[in-house]
Amino acid sequence: MSNETPQNIIDKYDKPLPLWTIALIPVYISALFIIILFPLAQDWLWSEAWLFIISFVINMTISFYFINKKNPRVLRNRMKVKKVGITEKTKSSAGSDKFIMPLLSIGFIGALLLPVFDYRNQWSPIPFMVEIVGLVILNIGLIIMDIAMVQNAYASKILDINKDQKLIDTGLYGRVRHPLYSGAVLLILGLPIALGSWVSLIPAAVGVLAIIIRIKFEEEMLIKGMDGYIEYRTRVKYKLIPKIY
């Protein structure tokens, strides 16, 4: 029988991950982008792709280092794939991941891959300075996501409510109810612009739609399963964009 107490488990989850793990994540991501983008583009000098990869990796390396120091629990929560806090009340809402995650994946993957073919065929080129604006928007989105992860240890990739989860209503969560998704919207919309493809905003829009649908089901789950969430909705009225939505 395990001799771990709840306090032991909490301490284990809040212990920073090894630095080699944090260092390997951006290396793995950059290698994946390089292997996918440049052979398909048939051009290893595709400057927009290099700018995207370099800025993405720098952002991820710095942010993960600080998140690992400030709130390592969120990194573990975002790695998990098994739902552990689902109840009969929240099961149907949380189950929406089955169709929303594929839709979100189609949006993100389309926004990443369609620019490759646009670049090869020059379907809808974008002026370089506009591409830089897209790159800035993308990185602002990443930074917002990073801040949200520092502020909320339970910012999981899957719809779930942990038994010890607490409602976060300060920081970015005091401005909008889903700041992690706010950052994700900027990321997915900035990506195709940064890679120089207007037409790729179509799959990006699919990804944004998937996020909006997911918010609906996530809020249903939180209303049913988290104490204080109904009152929180009355105080923080906006989901993604302050004063707008």
C-alpha atoms as a PDB file:
ATOM      1  CA  MET A   1       0.000   0.000   0.000  1.00  0.00           C
ATOM      2  CA  SER A   2       1.289   3.476  -0.861  1.00  0.00           C
ATOM      3  CA  ASN A   3       2.328   5.597   2.097  1.00  0.00           C
ATOM      4  CA  GLU A   4       1.746   8.863   0.212  1.00  0.00           C
ATOM      5  CA  THR A   5      -0.432  11.373   2.034  1.00  0.00           C
ATOM      6  CA  PRO A   6      -2.394  14.106   0.270  1.00  0.00           C
ATOM      7  CA  GLN A   7       0.316  16.571   1.323  1.00  0.00           C
ATOM      8  CA  ASN A   8       2.984  14.319  -0.231  1.00  0.00           C
ATOM      9  CA  ILE A   9       1.035  14.309  -3.494  1.00  0.00           C
ATOM     10  CA  ILE A  10       0.606  18.091  -3.473  1.00  0.00           C
ATOM     11  CA  ASP A  11       4.319  18.547  -2.858  1.00  0.00           C
ATOM     12  CA  LYS A  12       5.157  16.188  -5.718  1.00  0.00           C
ATOM     13  CA  TYR A  13       2.913  18.038  -8.166  1.00  0.00           C
ATOM     14  CA  ASP A  14       4.334  21.416  -7.125  1.00  0.00           C
ATOM     15  CA  LYS A  15       7.939  20.307  -7.506  1.00  0.00           C
ATOM     16  CA  PRO A  16       9.607  21.848 -10.592  1.00  0.00           C
ATOM     17  CA  LEU A  17      10.236  19.502 -13.496  1.00  0.00           C
ATOM     18  CA  PRO A  18      13.890  18.674 -14.279  1.00  0.00           C
ATOM     19  CA  LEU A  19      15.547  21.387 -16.364  1.00  0.00           C
ATOM     20  CA  TRP A  20      16.466  18.859 -19.039  1.00  0.00           C
ATOM     21  CA  THR A  21      12.756  18.167 -19.542  1.00  0.00           C
ATOM     22  CA  ILE A  22      12.013  21.879 -19.923  1.00  0.00           C
ATOM     23  CA  ALA A  23      14.935  22.240 -22.347  1.00  0.00           C
ATOM     24  CA  LEU A  24      13.863  19.263 -24.464  1.00  0.00           C
ATOM     25  CA  ILE A  25      10.307  20.510 -25.089  1.00  0.00           C
ATOM     26  CA  PRO A  26      11.279  23.473 -27.336  1.00  0.00           C
ATOM     27  CA  VAL A  27      13.938  21.341 -29.049  1.00  0.00           C
ATOM     28  CA  TYR A  28      11.309  18.724 -29.853  1.00  0.00           C
ATOM     29  CA  ILE A  29       8.787  21.334 -31.046  1.00  0.00           C
ATOM     30  CA  SER A  30      11.305  23.157 -33.253  1.00  0.00           C
ATOM     31  CA  ALA A  31      12.514  19.872 -34.778  1.00  0.00           C
ATOM     32  CA  LEU A  32       8.907  18.902 -35.496  1.00  0.00           C
ATOM     33  CA  PHE A  33       8.180  22.227 -37.223  1.00  0.00           C
ATOM     34  CA  ILE A  34      11.398  22.015 -39.258  1.00  0.00           C
ATOM     35  CA  ILE A  35      10.733  18.446 -40.371  1.00  0.00           C
ATOM     36  CA  ILE A  36       7.180  19.309 -41.419  1.00  0.00           C
ATOM     37  CA  LEU A  37       7.448  22.787 -42.931  1.00  0.00           C
ATOM     38  CA  PHE A  38      10.611  22.961 -45.001  1.00  0.00           C
ATOM     39  CA  PRO A  39      10.448  19.648 -46.916  1.00  0.00           C
ATOM     40  CA  LEU A  40       6.815  20.373 -47.831  1.00  0.00           C
ATOM     41  CA  ALA A  41       7.705  23.925 -48.875  1.00  0.00           C
ATOM     42  CA  GLN A  42      10.676  22.579 -50.847  1.00  0.00           C
ATOM     43  CA  ASP A  43      12.638  25.602 -49.701  1.00  0.00           C
ATOM     44  CA  TRP A  44      14.975  25.610 -46.707  1.00  0.00           C
ATOM     45  CA  LEU A  45      15.365  29.392 -47.058  1.00  0.00           C
ATOM     46  CA  TRP A  46      11.704  30.168 -46.351  1.00  0.00           C
ATOM     47  CA  SER A  47      12.328  33.200 -44.132  1.00  0.00           C
ATOM     48  CA  GLU A  48       8.787  33.491 -42.710  1.00  0.00           C
ATOM     49  CA  ALA A  49       8.914  29.917 -41.449  1.00  0.00           C
ATOM     50  CA  TRP A  50      12.314  30.459 -39.829  1.00  0.00           C
ATOM     51  CA  LEU A  51      11.091  33.648 -38.107  1.00  0.00           C
ATOM     52  CA  PHE A  52       8.030  31.781 -36.830  1.00  0.00           C
ATOM     53  CA  ILE A  53      10.030  28.828 -35.512  1.00  0.00           C
ATOM     54  CA  ILE A  54      12.753  30.947 -33.891  1.00  0.00           C
ATOM     55  CA  SER A  55      10.298  33.300 -32.165  1.00  0.00           C
ATOM     56  CA  PHE A  56       8.072  30.404 -31.078  1.00  0.00           C
ATOM     57  CA  VAL A  57      11.000  28.485 -29.574  1.00  0.00           C
ATOM     58  CA  ILE A  58      12.430  31.542 -27.807  1.00  0.00           C
ATOM     59  CA  ASN A  59       9.002  32.321 -26.362  1.00  0.00           C
ATOM     60  CA  MET A  60       8.441  28.721 -25.256  1.00  0.00           C
ATOM     61  CA  THR A  61      11.927  28.323 -23.745  1.00  0.00           C
ATOM     62  CA  ILE A  62      11.701  31.485 -21.649  1.00  0.00           C
ATOM     63  CA  SER A  63       8.066  31.018 -20.623  1.00  0.00           C
ATOM     64  CA  PHE A  64       8.378  27.345 -19.684  1.00  0.00           C
ATOM     65  CA  TYR A  65      11.449  28.114 -17.585  1.00  0.00           C
ATOM     66  CA  PHE A  66       9.533  30.706 -15.541  1.00  0.00           C
ATOM     67  CA  ILE A  67       6.303  28.692 -15.412  1.00  0.00           C
ATOM     68  CA  ASN A  68       8.307  25.725 -14.126  1.00  0.00           C
ATOM     69  CA  LYS A  69       9.673  27.930 -11.335  1.00  0.00           C
ATOM     70  CA  LYS A  70       6.409  29.689 -10.469  1.00  0.00           C
ATOM     71  CA  ASN A  71       3.723  27.072 -11.130  1.00  0.00           C
ATOM     72  CA  PRO A  72       5.042  23.641 -12.212  1.00  0.00           C
ATOM     73  CA  ARG A  73       1.719  22.011 -11.363  1.00  0.00           C
ATOM     74  CA  VAL A  74       0.138  23.542 -14.468  1.00  0.00           C
ATOM     75  CA  LEU A  75       2.721  21.876 -16.717  1.00  0.00           C
ATOM     76  CA  ARG A  76       1.830  18.491 -15.240  1.00  0.00           C
ATOM     77  CA  ASN A  77      -1.879  19.224 -15.604  1.00  0.00           C
ATOM     78  CA  ARG A  78      -1.399  20.132 -19.265  1.00  0.00           C
ATOM     79  CA  MET A  79       0.450  16.871 -19.864  1.00  0.00           C
ATOM     80  CA  LYS A  80      -2.335  14.679 -18.526  1.00  0.00           C
ATOM     81  CA  VAL A  81      -4.688  12.925 -20.929  1.00  0.00           C
ATOM     82  CA  LYS A  82      -6.981  11.158 -18.449  1.00  0.00           C
ATOM     83  CA  LYS A  83      -9.955  12.917 -16.878  1.00  0.00           C
ATOM     84  CA  VAL A  84      -9.910  12.408 -13.106  1.00  0.00           C
ATOM     85  CA  GLY A  85     -12.635  14.687 -11.723  1.00  0.00           C
ATOM     86  CA  ILE A  86     -15.646  13.974 -13.918  1.00  0.00           C
ATOM     87  CA  THR A  87     -18.959  13.332 -12.166  1.00  0.00           C
ATOM     88  CA  GLU A  88     -22.382  12.321 -13.443  1.00  0.00           C
ATOM     89  CA  LYS A  89     -23.343  16.001 -13.517  1.00  0.00           C
ATOM     90  CA  THR A  90     -20.369  17.070 -15.609  1.00  0.00           C
ATOM     91  CA  LYS A  91     -19.905  13.969 -17.783  1.00  0.00           C
ATOM     92  CA  SER A  92     -21.949  15.109 -20.788  1.00  0.00           C
ATOM     93  CA  SER A  93     -20.363  18.577 -20.960  1.00  0.00           C
ATOM     94  CA  ALA A  94     -16.818  17.249 -20.547  1.00  0.00           C
ATOM     95  CA  GLY A  95     -17.498  14.609 -23.168  1.00  0.00           C
ATOM     96  CA  SER A  96     -17.703  17.330 -25.825  1.00  0.00           C
ATOM     97  CA  ASP A  97     -13.915  17.021 -26.153  1.00  0.00           C
ATOM     98  CA  LYS A  98     -14.595  14.005 -28.387  1.00  0.00           C
ATOM     99  CA  PHE A  99     -15.709  16.211 -31.255  1.00  0.00           C
ATOM    100  CA  ILE A 100     -14.308  19.618 -30.312  1.00  0.00           C
ATOM    101  CA  MET A 101     -10.657  18.550 -30.042  1.00  0.00           C
ATOM    102  CA  PRO A 102     -10.617  17.068 -33.583  1.00  0.00           C
ATOM    103  CA  LEU A 103     -12.240  20.271 -34.880  1.00  0.00           C
ATOM    104  CA  LEU A 104      -9.669  22.390 -33.043  1.00  0.00           C
ATOM    105  CA  SER A 105      -6.859  20.208 -34.391  1.00  0.00           C
ATOM    106  CA  ILE A 106      -8.136  20.642 -37.947  1.00  0.00           C
ATOM    107  CA  GLY A 107      -8.114  24.407 -37.462  1.00  0.00           C
ATOM    108  CA  PHE A 108      -4.594  24.589 -36.020  1.00  0.00           C
ATOM    109  CA  ILE A 109      -3.029  22.040 -38.362  1.00  0.00           C
ATOM    110  CA  GLY A 110      -4.722  23.683 -41.344  1.00  0.00           C
ATOM    111  CA  ALA A 111      -3.443  27.114 -40.267  1.00  0.00           C
ATOM    112  CA  LEU A 112       0.057  25.627 -40.015  1.00  0.00           C
ATOM    113  CA  LEU A 113       0.167  23.467 -43.157  1.00  0.00           C
ATOM    114  CA  LEU A 114      -1.930  25.346 -45.723  1.00  0.00           C
ATOM    115  CA  PRO A 115       0.587  28.237 -45.757  1.00  0.00           C
ATOM    116  CA  VAL A 116       3.205  25.758 -46.980  1.00  0.00           C
ATOM    117  CA  PHE A 117       1.250  25.102 -50.166  1.00  0.00           C
ATOM    118  CA  ASP A 118       0.288  28.755 -50.454  1.00  0.00           C
ATOM    119  CA  TYR A 119       3.994  29.633 -50.321  1.00  0.00           C
ATOM    120  CA  ARG A 120       4.831  27.094 -53.029  1.00  0.00           C
ATOM    121  CA  ASN A 121       2.005  28.196 -55.329  1.00  0.00           C
ATOM    122  CA  GLN A 122       1.706  31.877 -54.345  1.00  0.00           C
ATOM    123  CA  TRP A 123      -2.082  31.715 -53.977  1.00  0.00           C
ATOM    124  CA  SER A 124      -2.488  34.641 -51.569  1.00  0.00           C
ATOM    125  CA  PRO A 125       0.838  36.266 -50.641  1.00  0.00           C
ATOM    126  CA  ILE A 126       0.989  38.812 -47.837  1.00  0.00           C
ATOM    127  CA  PRO A 127       3.289  41.878 -47.662  1.00  0.00           C
ATOM    128  CA  PHE A 128       6.280  41.250 -45.410  1.00  0.00           C
ATOM    129  CA  MET A 129       5.408  44.009 -42.919  1.00  0.00           C
ATOM    130  CA  VAL A 130       1.916  42.517 -42.496  1.00  0.00           C
ATOM    131  CA  GLU A 131       3.552  39.140 -41.858  1.00  0.00           C
ATOM    132  CA  ILE A 132       5.575  40.765 -39.069  1.00  0.00           C
ATOM    133  CA  VAL A 133       2.336  42.082 -37.563  1.00  0.00           C
ATOM    134  CA  GLY A 134       0.978  38.512 -37.674  1.00  0.00           C
ATOM    135  CA  LEU A 135       4.138  37.288 -35.936  1.00  0.00           C
ATOM    136  CA  VAL A 136       3.694  39.893 -33.200  1.00  0.00           C
ATOM    137  CA  ILE A 137       0.022  38.923 -32.747  1.00  0.00           C
ATOM    138  CA  LEU A 138       1.016  35.249 -32.541  1.00  0.00           C
ATOM    139  CA  ASN A 139       3.590  35.930 -29.835  1.00  0.00           C
ATOM    140  CA  ILE A 140       1.233  38.180 -27.865  1.00  0.00           C
ATOM    141  CA  GLY A 141      -1.185  35.257 -27.879  1.00  0.00           C
ATOM    142  CA  LEU A 142       1.536  32.959 -26.556  1.00  0.00           C
ATOM    143  CA  ILE A 143       2.429  35.433 -23.806  1.00  0.00           C
ATOM    144  CA  ILE A 144      -1.216  35.714 -22.719  1.00  0.00           C
ATOM    145  CA  MET A 145      -1.407  31.910 -22.571  1.00  0.00           C
ATOM    146  CA  ASP A 146       1.820  31.823 -20.535  1.00  0.00           C
ATOM    147  CA  ILE A 147       0.491  34.361 -18.015  1.00  0.00           C
ATOM    148  CA  ALA A 148      -2.781  32.433 -17.711  1.00  0.00           C
ATOM    149  CA  MET A 149      -0.822  29.245 -16.969  1.00  0.00           C
ATOM    150  CA  VAL A 150       1.187  30.997 -14.249  1.00  0.00           C
ATOM    151  CA  GLN A 151      -2.040  32.238 -12.663  1.00  0.00           C
ATOM    152  CA  ASN A 152      -4.067  29.027 -12.945  1.00  0.00           C
ATOM    153  CA  ALA A 153      -2.484  25.698 -12.024  1.00  0.00           C
ATOM    154  CA  TYR A 154      -5.477  23.819 -13.435  1.00  0.00           C
ATOM    155  CA  ALA A 155      -5.375  25.249 -16.960  1.00  0.00           C
ATOM    156  CA  SER A 156      -5.633  21.778 -18.464  1.00  0.00           C
ATOM    157  CA  LYS A 157      -5.876  20.825 -22.144  1.00  0.00           C
ATOM    158  CA  ILE A 158      -8.824  18.548 -21.406  1.00  0.00           C
ATOM    159  CA  LEU A 159     -12.222  19.447 -19.952  1.00  0.00           C
ATOM    160  CA  ASP A 160     -11.999  18.262 -16.371  1.00  0.00           C
ATOM    161  CA  ILE A 161     -12.441  19.481 -12.792  1.00  0.00           C
ATOM    162  CA  ASN A 162      -9.973  18.182 -10.242  1.00  0.00           C
ATOM    163  CA  LYS A 163     -11.252  17.420  -6.750  1.00  0.00           C
ATOM    164  CA  ASP A 164      -8.970  20.018  -5.147  1.00  0.00           C
ATOM    165  CA  GLN A 165      -9.426  22.612  -7.893  1.00  0.00           C
ATOM    166  CA  LYS A 166     -10.142  26.175  -6.820  1.00  0.00           C
ATOM    167  CA  LEU A 167     -11.837  28.971  -8.728  1.00  0.00           C
ATOM    168  CA  ILE A 168      -9.328  31.536  -9.995  1.00  0.00           C
ATOM    169  CA  ASP A 169     -10.786  35.041 -10.278  1.00  0.00           C
ATOM    170  CA  THR A 170      -7.723  37.300 -10.090  1.00  0.00           C
ATOM    171  CA  GLY A 171      -5.176  38.506 -12.633  1.00  0.00           C
ATOM    172  CA  LEU A 172      -6.267  37.865 -16.204  1.00  0.00           C
ATOM    173  CA  TYR A 173      -9.146  35.790 -14.823  1.00  0.00           C
ATOM    174  CA  GLY A 174     -10.502  38.970 -13.258  1.00  0.00           C
ATOM    175  CA  ARG A 175     -10.810  40.518 -16.736  1.00  0.00           C
ATOM    176  CA  VAL A 176     -12.114  37.614 -18.828  1.00  0.00           C
ATOM    177  CA  ARG A 177     -13.259  34.127 -17.851  1.00  0.00           C
ATOM    178  CA  HIS A 178     -11.092  32.280 -20.383  1.00  0.00           C
ATOM    179  CA  PRO A 179      -7.800  34.152 -20.900  1.00  0.00           C
ATOM    180  CA  LEU A 180      -6.025  30.984 -22.040  1.00  0.00           C
ATOM    181  CA  TYR A 181      -8.457  30.799 -24.956  1.00  0.00           C
ATOM    182  CA  SER A 182      -8.009  34.533 -25.610  1.00  0.00           C
ATOM    183  CA  GLY A 183      -4.324  33.859 -26.185  1.00  0.00           C
ATOM    184  CA  ALA A 184      -5.072  30.769 -28.259  1.00  0.00           C
ATOM    185  CA  VAL A 185      -7.343  32.810 -30.571  1.00  0.00           C
ATOM    186  CA  LEU A 186      -4.551  35.323 -31.194  1.00  0.00           C
ATOM    187  CA  LEU A 187      -2.102  32.478 -31.773  1.00  0.00           C
ATOM    188  CA  ILE A 188      -4.240  30.658 -34.311  1.00  0.00           C
ATOM    189  CA  LEU A 189      -5.187  33.850 -36.182  1.00  0.00           C
ATOM    190  CA  GLY A 190      -1.650  35.243 -36.182  1.00  0.00           C
ATOM    191  CA  LEU A 191      -0.075  31.994 -37.411  1.00  0.00           C
ATOM    192  CA  PRO A 192      -1.240  32.007 -41.053  1.00  0.00           C
ATOM    193  CA  ILE A 193      -0.545  35.739 -41.374  1.00  0.00           C
ATOM    194  CA  ALA A 194       2.974  35.258 -39.988  1.00  0.00           C
ATOM    195  CA  LEU A 195       3.528  32.486 -42.551  1.00  0.00           C
ATOM    196  CA  GLY A 196       2.252  34.694 -45.381  1.00  0.00           C
ATOM    197  CA  SER A 197      -1.089  33.157 -46.329  1.00  0.00           C
ATOM    198  CA  TRP A 198      -4.447  34.943 -46.380  1.00  0.00           C
ATOM    199  CA  VAL A 199      -6.315  31.809 -47.499  1.00  0.00           C
ATOM    200  CA  SER A 200      -5.076  29.952 -44.417  1.00  0.00           C
ATOM    201  CA  LEU A 201      -7.246  32.176 -42.255  1.00  0.00           C
ATOM    202  CA  ILE A 202     -10.108  29.852 -43.303  1.00  0.00           C
ATOM    203  CA  PRO A 203      -8.893  26.852 -41.231  1.00  0.00           C
ATOM    204  CA  ALA A 204      -7.806  29.324 -38.538  1.00  0.00           C
ATOM    205  CA  ALA A 205     -11.420  30.518 -38.356  1.00  0.00           C
ATOM    206  CA  VAL A 206     -12.487  26.889 -37.905  1.00  0.00           C
ATOM    207  CA  GLY A 207     -10.109  26.682 -34.936  1.00  0.00           C
ATOM    208  CA  VAL A 208     -11.546  29.861 -33.412  1.00  0.00           C
ATOM    209  CA  LEU A 209     -15.072  28.487 -33.879  1.00  0.00           C
ATOM    210  CA  ALA A 210     -14.008  25.286 -32.083  1.00  0.00           C
ATOM    211  CA  ILE A 211     -12.712  27.376 -29.166  1.00  0.00           C
ATOM    212  CA  ILE A 212     -15.990  29.313 -28.918  1.00  0.00           C
ATOM    213  CA  ILE A 213     -17.994  26.063 -28.959  1.00  0.00           C
ATOM    214  CA  ARG A 214     -15.680  24.579 -26.337  1.00  0.00           C
ATOM    215  CA  ILE A 215     -16.241  27.556 -24.040  1.00  0.00           C
ATOM    216  CA  LYS A 216     -19.979  26.838 -24.112  1.00  0.00           C
ATOM    217  CA  PHE A 217     -19.489  23.248 -22.946  1.00  0.00           C
ATOM    218  CA  GLU A 218     -16.739  24.170 -20.479  1.00  0.00           C
ATOM    219  CA  GLU A 219     -18.979  26.739 -18.806  1.00  0.00           C
ATOM    220  CA  GLU A 220     -21.778  24.179 -18.570  1.00  0.00           C
ATOM    221  CA  MET A 221     -19.317  21.846 -16.839  1.00  0.00           C
ATOM    222  CA  LEU A 222     -18.056  24.533 -14.456  1.00  0.00           C
ATOM    223  CA  ILE A 223     -21.565  25.688 -13.529  1.00  0.00           C
ATOM    224  CA  LYS A 224     -22.469  22.116 -12.593  1.00  0.00           C
ATOM    225  CA  GLY A 225     -19.206  21.158 -10.934  1.00  0.00           C
ATOM    226  CA  MET A 226     -17.415  24.160  -9.442  1.00  0.00           C
ATOM    227  CA  ASP A 227     -18.599  26.099  -6.411  1.00  0.00           C
ATOM    228  CA  GLY A 228     -18.901  29.829  -7.008  1.00  0.00           C
ATOM    229  CA  TYR A 229     -18.750  29.742 -10.785  1.00  0.00           C
ATOM    230  CA  ILE A 230     -22.255  31.149 -11.318  1.00  0.00           C
ATOM    231  CA  GLU A 231     -21.421  34.138  -9.110  1.00  0.00           C
ATOM    232  CA  TYR A 232     -18.069  34.514 -10.908  1.00  0.00           C
ATOM    233  CA  ARG A 233     -19.918  34.773 -14.258  1.00  0.00           C
ATOM    234  CA  THR A 234     -21.960  37.678 -12.935  1.00  0.00           C
ATOM    235  CA  ARG A 235     -18.818  39.529 -11.805  1.00  0.00           C
ATOM    236  CA  VAL A 236     -16.647  38.776 -14.843  1.00  0.00           C
ATOM    237  CA  LYS A 237     -19.054  39.190 -17.721  1.00  0.00           C
ATOM    238  CA  TYR A 238     -16.733  38.694 -20.693  1.00  0.00           C
ATOM    239  CA  LYS A 239     -15.462  35.367 -22.004  1.00  0.00           C
ATOM    240  CA  LEU A 240     -12.559  36.288 -24.290  1.00  0.00           C
ATOM    241  CA  ILE A 241     -12.291  40.023 -24.970  1.00  0.00           C
ATOM    242  CA  PRO A 242     -12.859  42.690 -22.275  1.00  0.00           C
ATOM    243  CA  LYS A 243     -15.832  44.978 -23.044  1.00  0.00           C
ATOM    244  CA  ILE A 244     -16.620  43.039 -26.258  1.00  0.00           C
ATOM    245  CA  TYR A 245     -17.219  39.288 -25.787  1.00  0.00           C
END
